[in-house]
Protein backbone atom coordinates (compact mmCIF):
# COMPACT_ATOMS: atom_id res chain seq x y z
CA MET A 1 11.43 -33.27 0.17
CA ARG A 2 12.03 -34.96 3.60
CA LEU A 3 9.49 -37.57 4.78
CA PRO A 4 7.06 -36.55 7.39
CA GLU A 5 7.92 -38.17 10.82
CA GLY A 6 6.60 -41.58 11.46
CA TYR A 7 6.01 -41.92 7.88
CA GLU A 8 7.45 -45.39 7.82
CA GLU A 9 5.64 -46.56 10.68
CA ILE A 10 2.13 -45.77 9.32
CA MET A 11 2.76 -47.35 5.81
CA GLY A 12 4.60 -50.42 7.47
CA VAL A 13 7.34 -49.97 5.00
CA THR A 14 11.26 -49.69 5.75
CA LEU A 15 13.52 -47.05 3.92
CA PRO A 16 17.17 -46.43 3.91
CA LYS A 17 18.38 -43.79 5.95
CA ASN A 18 17.51 -40.24 4.91
CA ALA A 19 15.27 -41.15 2.11
CA VAL A 20 13.56 -38.11 0.48
CA TYR A 21 10.97 -37.94 -2.03
CA ARG A 22 11.80 -37.08 -5.67
CA LEU A 23 9.84 -34.66 -7.23
CA LYS A 24 8.35 -35.30 -10.89
CA LYS A 25 7.01 -31.82 -10.99
CA SER A 26 6.54 -28.39 -9.02
CA ILE A 27 4.28 -28.81 -6.30
CA TYR A 28 1.93 -25.52 -6.08
CA GLY A 29 2.85 -23.72 -2.55
CA LEU A 30 6.49 -24.47 -2.71
CA LYS A 31 8.91 -21.47 -2.09
CA GLN A 32 10.73 -22.01 -5.29
CA ALA A 33 6.91 -22.84 -7.17
CA SER A 34 6.12 -19.17 -7.71
CA ARG A 35 9.64 -18.03 -8.54
CA GLN A 36 9.90 -20.41 -11.38
CA TRP A 37 6.64 -19.96 -12.29
CA PHE A 38 7.50 -16.23 -12.79
CA LEU A 39 10.53 -16.91 -14.36
CA LYS A 40 9.21 -19.03 -16.95
CA PHE A 41 5.72 -16.66 -17.70
CA SER A 42 8.43 -13.49 -17.82
CA VAL A 43 10.50 -15.43 -20.72
CA SER A 44 7.70 -15.92 -22.62
CA LEU A 45 6.39 -12.69 -22.40
CA LEU A 46 9.95 -11.00 -23.12
CA GLN A 47 9.73 -13.63 -26.47
CA LEU A 48 6.62 -11.88 -27.80
CA GLY A 49 8.15 -8.65 -27.54
CA PHE A 50 7.08 -7.32 -23.77
CA THR A 51 9.49 -5.11 -21.64
CA LYS A 52 9.90 -5.50 -18.06
CA CYS A 53 9.22 -2.17 -16.06
CA HIS A 54 11.68 -0.47 -13.99
CA GLY A 55 9.30 0.71 -11.42
CA ASP A 56 7.43 -2.67 -11.11
CA HIS A 57 9.35 -5.88 -12.39
CA THR A 58 5.79 -7.91 -12.12
CA LEU A 59 4.60 -5.13 -14.99
CA PHE A 60 5.00 -5.62 -18.77
CA VAL A 61 4.17 -3.29 -21.46
CA GLN A 62 4.47 -3.59 -25.21
CA SER A 63 3.77 -0.70 -27.67
CA ARG A 64 3.21 -1.21 -31.53
CA GLY A 65 1.93 1.67 -33.33
CA ASN A 66 -1.16 3.07 -31.65
CA ASP A 67 -1.69 -0.09 -29.78
CA PHE A 68 -0.34 -0.29 -26.15
CA LEU A 69 -0.45 -3.30 -23.88
CA ALA A 70 -0.05 -3.66 -20.29
CA VAL A 71 0.46 -7.11 -18.13
CA LEU A 72 0.44 -7.35 -14.57
CA VAL A 73 1.04 -10.67 -12.98
CA TYR A 74 0.48 -11.96 -9.36
CA VAL A 75 2.14 -15.52 -9.44
CA ASP A 76 -0.41 -17.60 -11.66
CA ASP A 77 -3.49 -14.54 -11.58
CA ILE A 78 -2.96 -12.00 -14.77
CA VAL A 79 -4.33 -8.68 -15.60
CA ILE A 80 -4.14 -7.86 -19.17
CA ALA A 81 -4.90 -3.77 -20.19
CA SER A 82 -5.11 -2.87 -23.77
CA THR A 83 -5.69 0.19 -25.65
CA SER A 84 -7.31 -2.02 -28.42
CA GLU A 85 -9.56 -5.38 -27.77
CA SER A 86 -8.19 -7.19 -30.70
CA SER A 87 -4.57 -7.01 -29.29
CA ALA A 88 -5.85 -8.56 -25.89
CA ASN A 89 -7.51 -11.13 -27.90
CA ALA A 90 -3.94 -11.84 -29.74
CA LEU A 91 -1.72 -11.92 -26.76
CA THR A 92 -4.49 -14.23 -24.85
CA ALA A 93 -4.05 -16.64 -28.04
CA ALA A 94 -0.29 -16.07 -28.06
CA LEU A 95 -0.09 -17.23 -24.57
CA LYS A 96 -2.80 -20.18 -24.43
CA GLN A 97 0.03 -21.77 -26.72
CA SER A 98 2.78 -22.15 -23.94
CA PHE A 99 0.47 -22.46 -20.83
CA LYS A 100 -3.35 -23.18 -20.23
CA LEU A 101 -5.34 -20.32 -19.35
CA ARG A 102 -8.61 -19.59 -17.90
CA GLU A 103 -10.43 -16.25 -19.24
CA LEU A 104 -12.83 -14.63 -16.31
CA GLY A 105 -13.87 -11.53 -18.93
CA PRO A 106 -13.46 -8.30 -17.95
CA LEU A 107 -11.88 -7.36 -14.65
CA LYS A 108 -14.55 -7.64 -11.69
CA ASN A 109 -11.88 -9.48 -8.85
CA PHE A 110 -8.64 -9.61 -8.40
CA LEU A 111 -6.94 -11.00 -4.93
CA GLY A 112 -9.97 -10.38 -3.04
CA LEU A 113 -10.19 -6.96 -4.33
CA GLU A 114 -13.59 -6.15 -6.09
CA ILE A 115 -13.68 -3.71 -9.17
CA ALA A 116 -16.59 -1.97 -10.36
CA ARG A 117 -16.06 0.26 -13.54
CA ASN A 118 -18.68 3.11 -15.03
CA THR A 119 -18.24 6.44 -17.26
CA SER A 120 -17.26 8.62 -14.26
CA GLY A 121 -14.22 5.68 -13.35
CA ILE A 122 -13.17 2.68 -11.45
CA SER A 123 -13.74 1.53 -8.06
CA ILE A 124 -11.90 -0.70 -6.23
CA CYS A 125 -12.85 -1.90 -2.48
CA GLN A 126 -12.64 -4.99 -0.52
CA ARG A 127 -16.15 -5.42 0.94
CA LYS A 128 -16.45 -9.29 0.82
CA TYR A 129 -13.21 -9.10 2.51
CA ALA A 130 -14.14 -6.99 5.40
CA LEU A 131 -17.13 -8.94 6.09
CA GLU A 132 -15.11 -12.17 6.46
CA LEU A 133 -12.90 -10.33 8.82
CA LEU A 134 -15.56 -9.12 10.73
CA THR A 135 -17.68 -12.53 10.56
CA THR A 136 -14.25 -14.67 11.83
CA SER A 137 -13.79 -12.02 14.51
CA GLY A 138 -17.13 -12.40 15.86
CA MET A 139 -17.71 -8.67 15.42
CA LEU A 140 -20.51 -8.90 12.62
CA ALA A 141 -22.74 -7.73 15.11
CA CYS A 142 -21.03 -4.50 16.63
CA LYS A 143 -21.76 -0.99 17.02
CA ALA A 144 -19.98 0.89 14.17
CA ALA A 145 -17.80 3.62 15.47
CA ASN A 146 -17.19 7.12 13.64
CA THR A 147 -13.22 6.78 13.72
CA PRO A 148 -10.82 3.97 13.73
CA MET A 149 -8.76 5.35 16.95
CA VAL A 150 -9.50 7.79 19.88
CA PRO A 151 -7.87 11.01 19.27
CA ASN A 152 -4.72 11.95 21.80
CA LEU A 153 -4.44 7.85 22.56
CA GLN A 154 -0.86 6.90 23.56
CA LEU A 155 -0.18 3.33 23.34
CA SER A 156 2.99 1.99 24.72
CA ASN A 157 4.80 -1.65 25.34
CA THR A 158 3.63 -1.14 28.52
CA SER A 159 0.02 -0.18 28.06
CA GLY A 160 -2.21 -2.80 29.48
CA ASP A 161 -1.69 -6.39 30.54
CA LEU A 162 0.32 -9.22 28.25
CA LEU A 163 -2.71 -10.99 26.17
CA GLU A 164 -2.61 -14.80 26.68
CA ASP A 165 -3.41 -15.57 22.97
CA LYS A 166 -1.10 -13.67 20.76
CA GLU A 167 -1.57 -15.44 17.70
CA MET A 168 -5.05 -14.26 17.42
CA TYR A 169 -4.12 -10.69 17.90
CA ARG A 170 -1.47 -10.99 15.19
CA SER A 171 -3.95 -12.51 12.92
CA LEU A 172 -6.45 -9.79 13.20
CA VAL A 173 -4.02 -7.17 12.39
CA GLY A 174 -2.07 -8.89 9.50
CA ARG A 175 -5.72 -9.53 7.94
CA LEU A 176 -6.31 -5.56 8.35
CA MET A 177 -2.68 -4.88 6.86
CA TYR A 178 -4.15 -6.32 3.38
CA LEU A 179 -7.38 -4.29 3.99
CA THR A 180 -5.26 -1.08 3.82
CA ILE A 181 -4.90 -1.89 0.08
CA THR A 182 -8.42 0.32 -0.49
CA ARG A 183 -8.65 1.89 3.06
CA PRO A 184 -6.14 4.55 3.64
CA ASP A 185 -8.48 5.71 6.39
CA ILE A 186 -7.52 2.86 8.55
CA THR A 187 -3.48 2.80 7.67
CA PHE A 188 -2.14 4.99 10.32
CA ALA A 189 -4.43 2.73 12.93
CA VAL A 190 -3.04 -0.50 11.62
CA ASN A 191 0.66 0.92 11.20
CA LYS A 192 0.42 1.72 15.29
CA LEU A 193 -0.88 -1.81 15.86
CA CYS A 194 1.77 -3.23 14.07
CA GLN A 195 4.41 -2.29 16.36
CA PHE A 196 3.26 -4.20 19.05
CA SER A 197 2.78 -7.53 17.78
CA PHE A 198 5.68 -9.22 19.27
CA ALA A 199 4.28 -8.63 22.46
CA PRO A 200 0.59 -7.42 22.45
CA ARG A 201 -1.55 -6.06 25.32
CA THR A 202 -4.84 -5.50 26.43
CA SER A 203 -4.95 -1.58 25.67
CA HIS A 204 -3.57 -2.67 21.76
CA LEU A 205 -6.48 -5.53 21.32
CA THR A 206 -8.83 -3.04 22.48
CA VAL A 207 -7.96 -0.37 19.61
CA VAL A 208 -7.89 -4.02 16.82
CA TYR A 209 -11.86 -4.09 18.27
CA GLN A 210 -12.50 -0.09 17.66
CA VAL A 211 -10.51 -0.34 14.27
CA LEU A 212 -13.22 -3.32 13.39
CA GLN A 213 -15.86 -1.17 14.38
CA TYR A 214 -15.23 1.50 12.06
CA ILE A 215 -14.75 -0.96 9.15
CA LYS A 216 -18.77 -2.00 10.47
CA GLY A 217 -20.03 1.34 9.56
CA THR A 218 -18.10 1.74 6.53
CA ILE A 219 -17.64 -1.97 5.05
CA GLY A 220 -18.68 -1.13 1.38
CA GLN A 221 -15.93 1.77 1.18
CA GLY A 222 -13.20 2.25 -1.15
CA ILE A 223 -10.59 3.67 -3.30
CA SER A 224 -12.09 5.58 -6.23
CA TYR A 225 -9.96 6.48 -9.42
CA SER A 226 -11.84 8.90 -11.43
CA ALA A 227 -11.88 9.20 -15.50
CA ASP A 228 -11.10 12.85 -15.49
CA PRO A 229 -7.96 13.32 -17.52
CA ASP A 230 -6.15 15.31 -15.58
CA LEU A 231 -2.45 13.91 -14.76
CA THR A 232 -1.31 16.65 -12.32
CA LEU A 233 0.89 14.93 -9.84
CA LYS A 234 0.58 16.00 -6.46
CA GLY A 235 1.49 14.97 -2.75
CA PHE A 236 1.15 16.16 0.69
CA ALA A 237 3.90 15.07 3.40
CA ASP A 238 3.52 15.44 7.41
CA SER A 239 4.83 14.16 10.50
CA ASP A 240 3.52 13.72 13.88
CA TYR A 241 6.83 14.74 15.82
CA ALA A 242 7.88 12.49 18.66
CA SER A 243 4.32 10.66 19.24
CA CYS A 244 6.16 7.12 20.10
CA PRO A 245 5.96 7.02 23.79
CA ASP A 246 8.63 4.14 24.20
CA SER A 247 11.54 5.51 21.15
CA ARG A 248 10.06 9.07 20.84
CA ARG A 249 10.39 8.77 17.28
CA SER A 250 8.21 10.70 15.01
CA THR A 251 5.44 9.36 11.96
CA THR A 252 5.67 10.18 8.58
CA GLY A 253 2.66 10.11 6.55
CA PHE A 254 2.15 10.98 2.65
CA PRO A 255 -0.66 10.96 0.37
CA ILE A 256 -0.18 11.20 -3.28
CA PHE A 257 -2.70 12.27 -6.09
CA LEU A 258 -2.56 11.59 -9.93
CA GLY A 259 -5.31 14.55 -10.81
CA SER A 260 -8.10 13.86 -8.08
CA SER A 261 -7.29 10.26 -7.53
CA LEU A 262 -5.45 8.85 -4.67
CA ILE A 263 -2.70 6.71 -5.98
CA SER A 264 -0.10 5.92 -3.37
CA TRP A 265 0.21 6.67 0.40
CA ARG A 266 1.68 5.67 3.54
CA SER A 267 2.02 5.99 7.32
CA LYS A 268 5.88 4.77 8.96
CA LYS A 269 7.54 5.59 12.03
CA GLN A 270 10.67 6.76 10.80
CA GLN A 271 14.02 5.17 11.81
CA THR A 272 15.58 7.54 13.87
CA ILE A 273 14.93 10.29 16.40
CA SER A 274 14.31 13.95 15.08
CA ARG A 275 15.62 16.36 17.05
CA SER A 276 13.39 19.02 16.04
CA SER A 277 9.64 18.93 14.45
CA ALA A 278 11.00 21.13 11.41
CA GLU A 279 13.58 17.81 11.17
CA ALA A 280 10.98 15.68 11.67
CA GLU A 281 8.84 17.46 8.71
CA TYR A 282 12.12 17.33 6.85
CA ARG A 283 12.55 13.33 6.77
CA ALA A 284 8.79 13.12 5.83
CA LEU A 285 9.62 15.43 2.72
CA ALA A 286 12.28 13.58 2.06
CA LEU A 287 10.39 10.05 2.22
CA ALA A 288 7.72 11.40 0.16
CA SER A 289 10.06 13.08 -2.43
CA CYS A 290 11.58 9.32 -3.07
CA GLU A 291 8.10 7.96 -3.60
CA MET A 292 7.28 10.76 -6.07
CA MET A 293 10.27 9.82 -7.92
CA TRP A 294 9.41 6.04 -7.90
CA LEU A 295 5.65 6.99 -9.30
CA ILE A 296 7.00 9.29 -12.19
CA THR A 297 9.23 6.31 -13.41
CA LEU A 298 6.35 4.15 -13.04
CA LEU A 299 4.31 6.44 -15.14
CA SER A 300 6.80 6.61 -17.65
CA ASP A 301 6.93 3.02 -17.90
CA LEU A 302 3.23 3.14 -18.92
CA ARG A 303 3.76 5.89 -21.65
CA ILE A 304 2.39 8.66 -19.22
CA GLY A 305 4.10 12.18 -19.63
CA LEU A 306 2.97 14.68 -16.79
CA PRO A 307 1.97 18.24 -17.91
CA SER A 308 3.43 19.84 -15.16
CA THR A 309 5.92 19.57 -12.38
CA PRO A 310 5.12 17.36 -9.33
CA VAL A 311 4.19 19.43 -6.24
CA ILE A 312 4.97 18.40 -2.57
CA PHE A 313 2.64 20.38 -0.02
CA SER A 314 3.49 20.99 3.42
CA ASP A 315 2.40 22.79 6.18
CA SER A 316 5.73 23.14 7.67
CA THR A 317 7.10 26.26 6.51
CA ALA A 318 10.35 25.50 8.53
CA ALA A 319 11.02 22.27 6.41
CA ILE A 320 10.15 23.88 3.20
CA TYR A 321 13.28 26.44 3.92
CA ILE A 322 15.50 23.73 5.06
CA SER A 323 14.85 21.86 1.64
CA THR A 324 15.01 25.21 -0.72
CA ASN A 325 17.90 26.98 1.25
CA PRO A 326 21.30 25.16 1.54
CA VAL A 327 22.58 28.04 3.71
CA PHE A 328 20.72 26.63 7.30
CA HIS A 329 24.02 24.49 8.06
CA GLU A 330 23.72 24.95 12.07
CA ARG A 331 20.20 23.76 11.52
CA THR A 332 20.86 20.77 9.24
CA LYS A 333 24.45 19.47 10.18
CA TYR A 334 23.02 16.55 12.14
CA ILE A 335 20.65 15.10 9.32
CA GLU A 336 21.91 12.19 7.42
CA VAL A 337 22.64 12.53 3.96
CA ASP A 338 20.29 10.45 2.51
CA CYS A 339 17.51 13.11 3.82
CA HIS A 340 18.90 15.86 1.38
CA THR A 341 17.76 13.87 -1.57
CA VAL A 342 14.75 16.19 -1.66
CA ARG A 343 17.25 19.02 -2.00
CA GLU A 344 18.62 17.76 -5.10
CA LYS A 345 15.12 16.79 -6.54
CA LEU A 346 14.12 20.62 -6.05
CA ASP A 347 17.93 21.49 -7.58
CA LYS A 348 16.95 19.34 -10.94
CA CYS A 349 13.38 20.96 -11.04
CA LEU A 350 12.00 17.51 -10.90
CA ILE A 351 9.72 18.44 -7.98
CA LYS A 352 8.57 21.52 -6.48
CA MET A 353 7.57 22.24 -2.78
CA LEU A 354 4.33 24.45 -1.71
CA HIS A 355 2.85 25.45 1.61
CA VAL A 356 -0.40 24.21 2.58
CA ARG A 357 -2.52 25.00 5.67
CA THR A 358 -2.72 22.47 8.30
CA GLU A 359 -6.25 22.23 8.45
CA ASP A 360 -6.22 21.05 4.84
CA GLN A 361 -2.98 19.02 5.44
CA VAL A 362 -4.29 15.38 3.97
CA ALA A 363 -1.41 13.83 5.49
CA ASP A 364 -2.31 14.65 8.99
CA ILE A 365 -5.04 11.37 8.44
CA LEU A 366 -1.89 9.41 7.91
CA SER A 367 0.28 10.49 10.82
CA LYS A 368 -2.20 11.08 14.10
CA PRO A 369 -5.27 10.06 15.24
CA LEU A 370 -8.06 12.93 14.78
CA PHE A 371 -10.92 14.12 16.17
CA LEU A 372 -14.41 13.24 13.85
CA PRO A 373 -14.70 16.98 12.20
CA GLN A 374 -11.16 16.72 11.25
CA PHE A 375 -11.25 13.23 10.17
CA GLU A 376 -14.20 13.22 7.71
CA HIS A 377 -12.84 16.57 6.69
CA LEU A 378 -9.65 15.07 5.28
CA LYS A 379 -11.06 11.74 4.47
CA SER A 380 -13.50 13.87 2.15
CA LYS A 381 -10.16 14.72 0.21
CA MET A 382 -9.01 11.33 -0.09
CA SER A 383 -11.18 10.09 -3.32
CA LEU A 384 -12.69 7.35 -0.92
CA GLN A 385 -16.50 6.21 -2.26
CA ASN A 386 -18.76 3.62 -0.75
CA ILE A 387 -20.80 2.12 -4.17
CA PHE A 388 -22.77 -0.07 -2.17
CA VAL A 389 -24.75 3.09 -0.25
CA SER A 390 -27.93 4.81 -2.12
CA SER A 391 -27.08 8.01 -3.21
């Protein structure tokens, strides 16, 4: 580590040219520290008989007879899940021989996530984080909004005046991004706002404030995971054609459910311009199918077998025909090869495609701003729950 400027003058000492600090141990916060710590910890787990998962390299699993152990690592925060309490205690005792551990008991808080469980399932929310966000932004006493974004609103790089305090906008959007871990209902709005971080304007900041107003009215809302043993994997894929007024690119949105529980979702602007709405929908199907295959790998690492072939629902019959019928050469010859991964998965019977009505297309909430009735209708299908509201 190089010495800070002015060190010699303040300390009143004379040092040789290009003097540096010699570190006797890693300092927490260095770029190398977390990587070296994870390397040492993962080696210890592998020596204890754990296997690193291919779907997630921070997840380690071990299966011995009827006992199954899973360890999730995030820097120096560790979650241990086991089918047997004795196995978890044995693992903790083994790790204490190499590391200093502080046991926090049953999982209640992890990286700002608040976890609650009962006989019906597990609920995860970020209520405390949302309150801190509203407090620091001065919006704690604001009036609540019904939706995070006004329908049919067209945000562009030139709408409104440039903000003088760009760092404030970037800070708010960055903190909203972390809130989307448990809030799929604001994912589209936050994704849209992130696209203007390089040169934010007043119109963009107005939408940020509306998202905060929406959070104020749904402050305890989070994801609910049902205890129902249904392990059917299904997803919804949709796109909003040419929704970006600056680049004319489409927006992809998809949620994926395990049973009735939402386990993965995304809202993302497509990388290229689509020549038709069918092509945009087809690209959305390709992205959702790749995510589906990753989840199948992850579930396999967790020793979870799927009872049936995963299904992806789309409200575009044209996109479904293109994915199932390779004869449409004239309509697909300009689409990149990587998009046809969905057809490959269909040919191998790894996934299925089914049609869904537009009004029941759950992915709409991740691809475009909606009017309140449709927004509430689709949000009710996303296993969201507010455990802080009395029933």
